[in-house]
Amino acid sequence: SRIRISGGGWRSRQLKVVDSAGLRPTPDKVR
C-alpha cells in the first residue's frame, strides 16, 4: 500500500508501505 507525506517540500508524495505485522503508519491527521 501507500501513504502520503502531508506537508513541506515533498507534500503529497507517496511512500510505499509493506504489509508487515505490527506496522502502523501514523495517520495523516495525527502527523
Full PDB file with SEQRES, HELIX, SHEET, SSBOND, CRYST1, ORIGX, SCALE, CONECT and MASTER records, all heavy atoms in Angstrom:
SEQRES   1 A   31  SER ARG ILE ARG ILE SER GLY GLY GLY TRP ARG SER ARG          
SEQRES   2 A   31  GLN LEU LYS VAL VAL ASP SER ALA GLY LEU ARG PRO THR          
SEQRES   3 A   31  PRO ASP LYS VAL ARG                                          
SHEET    1 AA1 2 ARG A   2  ARG A   4  0                                        
SHEET    2 AA1 2 GLN A  14  LYS A  16 -1                                        
CRYST1    1.000    1.000    1.000  90.00  90.00  90.00 P 1           1          
ORIGX1      1.000000  0.000000  0.000000        0.00000                         
ORIGX2      0.000000  1.000000  0.000000        0.00000                         
ORIGX3      0.000000  0.000000  1.000000        0.00000                         
SCALE1      1.000000  0.000000  0.000000        0.00000                         
SCALE2      0.000000  1.000000  0.000000        0.00000                         
SCALE3      0.000000  0.000000  1.000000        0.00000                         
ATOM      1  N   SER A   1       0.849  -1.196   0.000  1.00  0.00           N  
ATOM      2  CA  SER A   1       0.000   0.000   0.000  1.00  0.00           C  
ATOM      3  C   SER A   1       0.887   1.250   0.000  1.00  0.00           C  
ATOM      4  O   SER A   1       2.100   1.167  -0.082  1.00  0.00           O  
ATOM      5  CB  SER A   1      -0.930  -0.029   1.213  1.00  0.00           C  
ATOM      6  OG  SER A   1      -0.191   0.004   2.407  1.00  0.00           O  
ATOM      7  N   ARG A   2       0.246   2.397   0.118  1.00  0.00           N  
ATOM      8  CA  ARG A   2       0.972   3.667   0.076  1.00  0.00           C  
ATOM      9  C   ARG A   2       0.421   4.620   1.134  1.00  0.00           C  
ATOM     10  O   ARG A   2      -0.730   4.515   1.545  1.00  0.00           O  
ATOM     11  CB  ARG A   2       0.853   4.303  -1.301  1.00  0.00           C  
ATOM     12  CG  ARG A   2       1.520   3.470  -2.378  1.00  0.00           C  
ATOM     13  CD  ARG A   2       1.588   4.237  -3.681  1.00  0.00           C  
ATOM     14  NE  ARG A   2       2.306   3.476  -4.675  1.00  0.00           N  
ATOM     15  CZ  ARG A   2       3.619   3.552  -4.894  1.00  0.00           C  
ATOM     16  NH1 ARG A   2       4.352   4.361  -4.175  1.00  0.00           N  
ATOM     17  NH2 ARG A   2       4.205   2.836  -5.816  1.00  0.00           N  
ATOM     18  N   ILE A   3       1.270   5.552   1.537  1.00  0.00           N  
ATOM     19  CA  ILE A   3       0.884   6.630   2.443  1.00  0.00           C  
ATOM     20  C   ILE A   3       1.520   7.901   1.887  1.00  0.00           C  
ATOM     21  O   ILE A   3       2.591   7.843   1.280  1.00  0.00           O  
ATOM     22  CB  ILE A   3       1.339   6.326   3.894  1.00  0.00           C  
ATOM     23  CG1 ILE A   3       0.737   7.310   4.870  1.00  0.00           C  
ATOM     24  CG2 ILE A   3       2.853   6.278   4.008  1.00  0.00           C  
ATOM     25  CD1 ILE A   3       0.914   6.913   6.330  1.00  0.00           C  
ATOM     26  N   ARG A   4       0.848   9.028   2.089  1.00  0.00           N  
ATOM     27  CA  ARG A   4       1.380  10.258   1.507  1.00  0.00           C  
ATOM     28  C   ARG A   4       1.991  11.159   2.573  1.00  0.00           C  
ATOM     29  O   ARG A   4       1.568  11.166   3.732  1.00  0.00           O  
ATOM     30  CB  ARG A   4       0.292  11.006   0.744  1.00  0.00           C  
ATOM     31  CG  ARG A   4      -0.717  11.691   1.602  1.00  0.00           C  
ATOM     32  CD  ARG A   4      -1.707  12.515   0.783  1.00  0.00           C  
ATOM     33  NE  ARG A   4      -2.576  13.227   1.685  1.00  0.00           N  
ATOM     34  CZ  ARG A   4      -2.325  14.436   2.177  1.00  0.00           C  
ATOM     35  NH1 ARG A   4      -1.236  15.065   1.858  1.00  0.00           N  
ATOM     36  NH2 ARG A   4      -3.171  15.006   3.004  1.00  0.00           N  
ATOM     37  N   ILE A   5       3.003  11.919   2.162  1.00  0.00           N  
ATOM     38  CA  ILE A   5       3.601  12.936   3.018  1.00  0.00           C  
ATOM     39  C   ILE A   5       2.637  14.125   3.024  1.00  0.00           C  
ATOM     40  O   ILE A   5       2.154  14.549   1.973  1.00  0.00           O  
ATOM     41  CB  ILE A   5       5.000  13.323   2.504  1.00  0.00           C  
ATOM     42  CG1 ILE A   5       5.923  12.112   2.629  1.00  0.00           C  
ATOM     43  CG2 ILE A   5       5.551  14.522   3.274  1.00  0.00           C  
ATOM     44  CD1 ILE A   5       7.309  12.323   2.062  1.00  0.00           C  
ATOM     45  N   SER A   6       2.344  14.656   4.212  1.00  0.00           N  
ATOM     46  CA  SER A   6       1.276  15.648   4.325  1.00  0.00           C  
ATOM     47  C   SER A   6       1.732  17.100   4.253  1.00  0.00           C  
ATOM     48  O   SER A   6       0.893  17.989   4.151  1.00  0.00           O  
ATOM     49  CB  SER A   6       0.486  15.430   5.618  1.00  0.00           C  
ATOM     50  OG  SER A   6       1.311  15.645   6.742  1.00  0.00           O  
ATOM     51  N   GLY A   7       3.031  17.365   4.325  1.00  0.00           N  
ATOM     52  CA  GLY A   7       3.450  18.764   4.290  1.00  0.00           C  
ATOM     53  C   GLY A   7       4.887  18.940   3.840  1.00  0.00           C  
ATOM     54  O   GLY A   7       5.633  17.984   3.669  1.00  0.00           O  
ATOM     55  N   GLY A   8       5.274  20.191   3.622  1.00  0.00           N  
ATOM     56  CA  GLY A   8       6.643  20.515   3.245  1.00  0.00           C  
ATOM     57  C   GLY A   8       6.907  20.331   1.762  1.00  0.00           C  
ATOM     58  O   GLY A   8       5.987  20.226   0.948  1.00  0.00           O  
ATOM     59  N   GLY A   9       8.185  20.274   1.422  1.00  0.00           N  
ATOM     60  CA  GLY A   9       8.612  20.185   0.038  1.00  0.00           C  
ATOM     61  C   GLY A   9       8.176  18.928  -0.683  1.00  0.00           C  
ATOM     62  O   GLY A   9       8.040  18.926  -1.908  1.00  0.00           O  
ATOM     63  N   TRP A  10       7.979  17.850   0.051  1.00  0.00           N  
ATOM     64  CA  TRP A  10       7.542  16.586  -0.559  1.00  0.00           C  
ATOM     65  C   TRP A  10       6.050  16.351  -0.360  1.00  0.00           C  
ATOM     66  O   TRP A  10       5.571  15.220  -0.509  1.00  0.00           O  
ATOM     67  CB  TRP A  10       8.325  15.405   0.007  1.00  0.00           C  
ATOM     68  CG  TRP A  10       9.790  15.421  -0.305  1.00  0.00           C  
ATOM     69  CD1 TRP A  10      10.386  15.903  -1.431  1.00  0.00           C  
ATOM     70  CD2 TRP A  10      10.829  14.915   0.519  1.00  0.00           C  
ATOM     71  NE1 TRP A  10      11.740  15.717  -1.355  1.00  0.00           N  
ATOM     72  CE2 TRP A  10      12.038  15.121  -0.173  1.00  0.00           C  
ATOM     73  CE3 TRP A  10      10.869  14.305   1.770  1.00  0.00           C  
ATOM     74  CZ2 TRP A  10      13.278  14.738   0.347  1.00  0.00           C  
ATOM     75  CZ3 TRP A  10      12.097  13.932   2.296  1.00  0.00           C  
ATOM     76  CH2 TRP A  10      13.284  14.149   1.588  1.00  0.00           C  
ATOM     77  N   ARG A  11       5.321  17.377  -0.023  1.00  0.00           N  
ATOM     78  CA  ARG A  11       3.880  17.240   0.217  1.00  0.00           C  
ATOM     79  C   ARG A  11       3.214  16.494  -0.934  1.00  0.00           C  
ATOM     80  O   ARG A  11       3.488  16.745  -2.105  1.00  0.00           O  
ATOM     81  CB  ARG A  11       3.245  18.617   0.347  1.00  0.00           C  
ATOM     82  CG  ARG A  11       1.784  18.529   0.666  1.00  0.00           C  
ATOM     83  CD  ARG A  11       1.158  19.881   0.746  1.00  0.00           C  
ATOM     84  NE  ARG A  11      -0.256  19.671   0.988  1.00  0.00           N  
ATOM     85  CZ  ARG A  11      -1.014  20.492   1.643  1.00  0.00           C  
ATOM     86  NH1 ARG A  11      -0.531  21.601   2.114  1.00  0.00           N  
ATOM     87  NH2 ARG A  11      -2.277  20.216   1.827  1.00  0.00           N  
ATOM     88  N   SER A  12       2.354  15.555  -0.581  1.00  0.00           N  
ATOM     89  CA  SER A  12       1.567  14.713  -1.495  1.00  0.00           C  
ATOM     90  C   SER A  12       2.373  13.618  -2.173  1.00  0.00           C  
ATOM     91  O   SER A  12       1.802  12.834  -2.932  1.00  0.00           O  
ATOM     92  CB  SER A  12       0.835  15.552  -2.554  1.00  0.00           C  
ATOM     93  OG  SER A  12      -0.063  16.433  -1.911  1.00  0.00           O  
ATOM     94  N   ARG A  13       3.680  13.522  -1.917  1.00  0.00           N  
ATOM     95  CA  ARG A  13       4.457  12.420  -2.477  1.00  0.00           C  
ATOM     96  C   ARG A  13       4.047  11.137  -1.769  1.00  0.00           C  
ATOM     97  O   ARG A  13       3.799  11.112  -0.558  1.00  0.00           O  
ATOM     98  CB  ARG A  13       5.972  12.651  -2.290  1.00  0.00           C  
ATOM     99  CG  ARG A  13       6.531  13.812  -3.086  1.00  0.00           C  
ATOM    100  CD  ARG A  13       6.730  13.519  -4.556  1.00  0.00           C  
ATOM    101  NE  ARG A  13       7.606  12.423  -4.866  1.00  0.00           N  
ATOM    102  CZ  ARG A  13       8.910  12.519  -5.083  1.00  0.00           C  
ATOM    103  NH1 ARG A  13       9.511  13.700  -5.039  1.00  0.00           N  
ATOM    104  NH2 ARG A  13       9.617  11.441  -5.347  1.00  0.00           N  
ATOM    105  N   GLN A  14       3.966  10.057  -2.505  1.00  0.00           N  
ATOM    106  CA  GLN A  14       3.518   8.766  -1.992  1.00  0.00           C  
ATOM    107  C   GLN A  14       4.715   7.912  -1.556  1.00  0.00           C  
ATOM    108  O   GLN A  14       5.730   7.868  -2.256  1.00  0.00           O  
ATOM    109  CB  GLN A  14       2.739   8.021  -3.069  1.00  0.00           C  
ATOM    110  CG  GLN A  14       1.494   8.726  -3.540  1.00  0.00           C  
ATOM    111  CD  GLN A  14       0.349   8.612  -2.556  1.00  0.00           C  
ATOM    112  OE1 GLN A  14       0.111   7.569  -1.966  1.00  0.00           O  
ATOM    113  NE2 GLN A  14      -0.366   9.706  -2.364  1.00  0.00           N  
ATOM    114  N   LEU A  15       4.571   7.226  -0.427  1.00  0.00           N  
ATOM    115  CA  LEU A  15       5.584   6.301   0.073  1.00  0.00           C  
ATOM    116  C   LEU A  15       5.029   4.885   0.028  1.00  0.00           C  
ATOM    117  O   LEU A  15       3.866   4.660   0.364  1.00  0.00           O  
ATOM    118  CB  LEU A  15       5.949   6.632   1.526  1.00  0.00           C  
ATOM    119  CG  LEU A  15       6.460   8.035   1.815  1.00  0.00           C  
ATOM    120  CD1 LEU A  15       6.651   8.217   3.313  1.00  0.00           C  
ATOM    121  CD2 LEU A  15       7.745   8.296   1.063  1.00  0.00           C  
ATOM    122  N   LYS A  16       5.877   3.937  -0.351  1.00  0.00           N  
ATOM    123  CA  LYS A  16       5.480   2.527  -0.316  1.00  0.00           C  
ATOM    124  C   LYS A  16       5.439   2.058   1.130  1.00  0.00           C  
ATOM    125  O   LYS A  16       6.305   2.398   1.928  1.00  0.00           O  
ATOM    126  CB  LYS A  16       6.481   1.668  -1.089  1.00  0.00           C  
ATOM    127  CG  LYS A  16       6.523   1.927  -2.564  1.00  0.00           C  
ATOM    128  CD  LYS A  16       7.567   1.046  -3.219  1.00  0.00           C  
ATOM    129  CE  LYS A  16       7.660   1.356  -4.708  1.00  0.00           C  
ATOM    130  NZ  LYS A  16       8.699   0.540  -5.355  1.00  0.00           N  
ATOM    131  N   VAL A  17       4.421   1.254   1.439  1.00  0.00           N  
ATOM    132  CA  VAL A  17       4.266   0.690   2.774  1.00  0.00           C  
ATOM    133  C   VAL A  17       4.120  -0.816   2.629  1.00  0.00           C  
ATOM    134  O   VAL A  17       3.203  -1.287   1.949  1.00  0.00           O  
ATOM    135  CB  VAL A  17       3.023   1.262   3.492  1.00  0.00           C  
ATOM    136  CG1 VAL A  17       2.840   0.616   4.855  1.00  0.00           C  
ATOM    137  CG2 VAL A  17       3.117   2.772   3.613  1.00  0.00           C  
ATOM    138  N   VAL A  18       5.017  -1.563   3.267  1.00  0.00           N  
ATOM    139  CA  VAL A  18       4.939  -3.020   3.201  1.00  0.00           C  
ATOM    140  C   VAL A  18       3.854  -3.516   4.143  1.00  0.00           C  
ATOM    141  O   VAL A  18       3.530  -2.877   5.140  1.00  0.00           O  
ATOM    142  CB  VAL A  18       6.289  -3.689   3.547  1.00  0.00           C  
ATOM    143  CG1 VAL A  18       7.355  -3.320   2.544  1.00  0.00           C  
ATOM    144  CG2 VAL A  18       6.725  -3.366   4.954  1.00  0.00           C  
ATOM    145  N   ASP A  19       3.304  -4.660   3.819  1.00  0.00           N  
ATOM    146  CA  ASP A  19       2.324  -5.310   4.680  1.00  0.00           C  
ATOM    147  C   ASP A  19       3.102  -6.171   5.667  1.00  0.00           C  
ATOM    148  O   ASP A  19       3.575  -7.245   5.320  1.00  0.00           O  
ATOM    149  CB  ASP A  19       1.370  -6.163   3.839  1.00  0.00           C  
ATOM    150  CG  ASP A  19       0.269  -6.782   4.676  1.00  0.00           C  
ATOM    151  OD1 ASP A  19       0.000  -6.264   5.777  1.00  0.00           O  
ATOM    152  OD2 ASP A  19      -0.313  -7.775   4.220  1.00  0.00           O  
ATOM    153  N   SER A  20       3.272  -5.659   6.881  1.00  0.00           N  
ATOM    154  CA  SER A  20       4.074  -6.338   7.884  1.00  0.00           C  
ATOM    155  C   SER A  20       3.345  -6.294   9.219  1.00  0.00           C  
ATOM    156  O   SER A  20       2.771  -5.257   9.587  1.00  0.00           O  
ATOM    157  CB  SER A  20       5.441  -5.650   7.999  1.00  0.00           C  
ATOM    158  OG  SER A  20       6.256  -6.279   8.936  1.00  0.00           O  
ATOM    159  N   ALA A  21       3.383  -7.390   9.946  1.00  0.00           N  
ATOM    160  CA  ALA A  21       2.702  -7.470  11.239  1.00  0.00           C  
ATOM    161  C   ALA A  21       3.213  -6.371  12.168  1.00  0.00           C  
ATOM    162  O   ALA A  21       4.413  -6.165  12.308  1.00  0.00           O  
ATOM    163  CB  ALA A  21       2.938  -8.834  11.869  1.00  0.00           C  
ATOM    164  N   GLY A  22       2.287  -5.651  12.780  1.00  0.00           N  
ATOM    165  CA  GLY A  22       2.636  -4.624  13.752  1.00  0.00           C  
ATOM    166  C   GLY A  22       2.993  -3.275  13.152  1.00  0.00           C  
ATOM    167  O   GLY A  22       3.192  -2.314  13.889  1.00  0.00           O  
ATOM    168  N   LEU A  23       3.078  -3.179  11.832  1.00  0.00           N  
ATOM    169  CA  LEU A  23       3.416  -1.907  11.195  1.00  0.00           C  
ATOM    170  C   LEU A  23       2.156  -1.057  11.092  1.00  0.00           C  
ATOM    171  O   LEU A  23       1.185  -1.432  10.455  1.00  0.00           O  
ATOM    172  CB  LEU A  23       4.013  -2.162   9.810  1.00  0.00           C  
ATOM    173  CG  LEU A  23       4.660  -0.959   9.127  1.00  0.00           C  
ATOM    174  CD1 LEU A  23       5.886  -0.500   9.913  1.00  0.00           C  
ATOM    175  CD2 LEU A  23       5.071  -1.333   7.721  1.00  0.00           C  
ATOM    176  N   ARG A  24       2.168   0.101  11.770  1.00  0.00           N  
ATOM    177  CA  ARG A  24       1.025   1.003  11.803  1.00  0.00           C  
ATOM    178  C   ARG A  24       1.477   2.388  11.375  1.00  0.00           C  
ATOM    179  O   ARG A  24       1.986   3.157  12.195  1.00  0.00           O  
ATOM    180  CB  ARG A  24       0.467   1.144  13.228  1.00  0.00           C  
ATOM    181  CG  ARG A  24       0.126  -0.079  13.973  1.00  0.00           C  
ATOM    182  CD  ARG A  24      -0.161   0.240  15.453  1.00  0.00           C  
ATOM    183  NE  ARG A  24       0.675   1.280  16.031  1.00  0.00           N  
ATOM    184  CZ  ARG A  24       1.894   1.111  16.522  1.00  0.00           C  
ATOM    185  NH1 ARG A  24       2.462  -0.064  16.483  1.00  0.00           N  
ATOM    186  NH2 ARG A  24       2.560   2.114  17.048  1.00  0.00           N  
ATOM    187  N   PRO A  25       1.304   2.751  10.128  1.00  0.00           N  
ATOM    188  CA  PRO A  25       1.693   4.104   9.721  1.00  0.00           C  
ATOM    189  C   PRO A  25       0.904   5.144  10.522  1.00  0.00           C  
ATOM    190  O   PRO A  25      -0.297   5.005  10.719  1.00  0.00           O  
ATOM    191  CB  PRO A  25       1.321   4.165   8.241  1.00  0.00           C  
ATOM    192  CG  PRO A  25       1.236   2.738   7.800  1.00  0.00           C  
ATOM    193  CD  PRO A  25       0.786   1.961   9.007  1.00  0.00           C  
ATOM    194  N   THR A  26       1.596   6.166  10.987  1.00  0.00           N  
ATOM    195  CA  THR A  26       0.942   7.223  11.736  1.00  0.00           C  
ATOM    196  C   THR A  26      -0.076   7.924  10.832  1.00  0.00           C  
ATOM    197  O   THR A  26       0.274   8.374   9.750  1.00  0.00           O  
ATOM    198  CB  THR A  26       1.988   8.238  12.249  1.00  0.00           C  
ATOM    199  OG1 THR A  26       2.907   7.537  13.090  1.00  0.00           O  
ATOM    200  CG2 THR A  26       1.334   9.359  13.035  1.00  0.00           C  
ATOM    201  N   PRO A  27      -1.338   8.011  11.280  1.00  0.00           N  
ATOM    202  CA  PRO A  27      -2.381   8.617  10.444  1.00  0.00           C  
ATOM    203  C   PRO A  27      -2.076  10.067  10.061  1.00  0.00           C  
ATOM    204  O   PRO A  27      -1.432  10.801  10.812  1.00  0.00           O  
ATOM    205  CB  PRO A  27      -3.629   8.539  11.328  1.00  0.00           C  
ATOM    206  CG  PRO A  27      -3.346   7.466  12.325  1.00  0.00           C  
ATOM    207  CD  PRO A  27      -1.862   7.507  12.555  1.00  0.00           C  
ATOM    208  N   ASP A  28      -2.550  10.459   8.909  1.00  0.00           N  
ATOM    209  CA  ASP A  28      -2.380  11.802   8.366  1.00  0.00           C  
ATOM    210  C   ASP A  28      -2.786  12.870   9.381  1.00  0.00           C  
ATOM    211  O   ASP A  28      -2.058  13.833   9.619  1.00  0.00           O  
ATOM    212  CB  ASP A  28      -3.252  11.899   7.105  1.00  0.00           C  
ATOM    213  CG  ASP A  28      -2.730  12.886   6.088  1.00  0.00           C  
ATOM    214  OD1 ASP A  28      -1.507  13.095   6.022  1.00  0.00           O  
ATOM    215  OD2 ASP A  28      -3.553  13.437   5.340  1.00  0.00           O  
ATOM    216  N   LYS A  29      -3.945  12.707   9.980  1.00  0.00           N  
ATOM    217  CA  LYS A  29      -4.466  13.676  10.948  1.00  0.00           C  
ATOM    218  C   LYS A  29      -3.510  13.841  12.135  1.00  0.00           C  
ATOM    219  O   LYS A  29      -3.281  14.949  12.611  1.00  0.00           O  
ATOM    220  CB  LYS A  29      -5.841  13.219  11.443  1.00  0.00           C  
ATOM    221  CG  LYS A  29      -6.430  14.077  12.526  1.00  0.00           C  
ATOM    222  CD  LYS A  29      -7.726  13.496  13.054  1.00  0.00           C  
ATOM    223  CE  LYS A  29      -8.184  14.267  14.270  1.00  0.00           C  
ATOM    224  NZ  LYS A  29      -9.279  13.643  14.958  1.00  0.00           N  
ATOM    225  N   VAL A  30      -2.942  12.743  12.589  1.00  0.00           N  
ATOM    226  CA  VAL A  30      -2.019  12.789  13.729  1.00  0.00           C  
ATOM    227  C   VAL A  30      -0.736  13.521  13.328  1.00  0.00           C  
ATOM    228  O   VAL A  30      -0.218  14.355  14.075  1.00  0.00           O  
ATOM    229  CB  VAL A  30      -1.723  11.368  14.248  1.00  0.00           C  
ATOM    230  CG1 VAL A  30      -0.650  11.387  15.321  1.00  0.00           C  
ATOM    231  CG2 VAL A  30      -3.002  10.723  14.778  1.00  0.00           C  
ATOM    232  N   ARG A  31      -0.218  13.238  12.141  1.00  0.00           N  
ATOM    233  CA  ARG A  31       1.000  13.914  11.677  1.00  0.00           C  
ATOM    234  C   ARG A  31       0.764  15.410  11.524  1.00  0.00           C  
ATOM    235  O   ARG A  31       1.624  16.227  11.876  1.00  0.00           O  
ATOM    236  CB  ARG A  31       1.479  13.301  10.365  1.00  0.00           C  
ATOM    237  CG  ARG A  31       2.121  11.944  10.586  1.00  0.00           C  
ATOM    238  CD  ARG A  31       2.648  11.331   9.310  1.00  0.00           C  
ATOM    239  NE  ARG A  31       1.553  10.660   8.614  1.00  0.00           N  
ATOM    240  CZ  ARG A  31       1.188  10.885   7.362  1.00  0.00           C  
ATOM    241  NH1 ARG A  31       1.840  11.740   6.615  1.00  0.00           N  
ATOM    242  NH2 ARG A  31       0.189  10.229   6.826  1.00  0.00           N  
TER     243      ARG A  31                                                      
MASTER        0    0    0    0    2    0    0    6  242    1    0    3          
END                                                                             
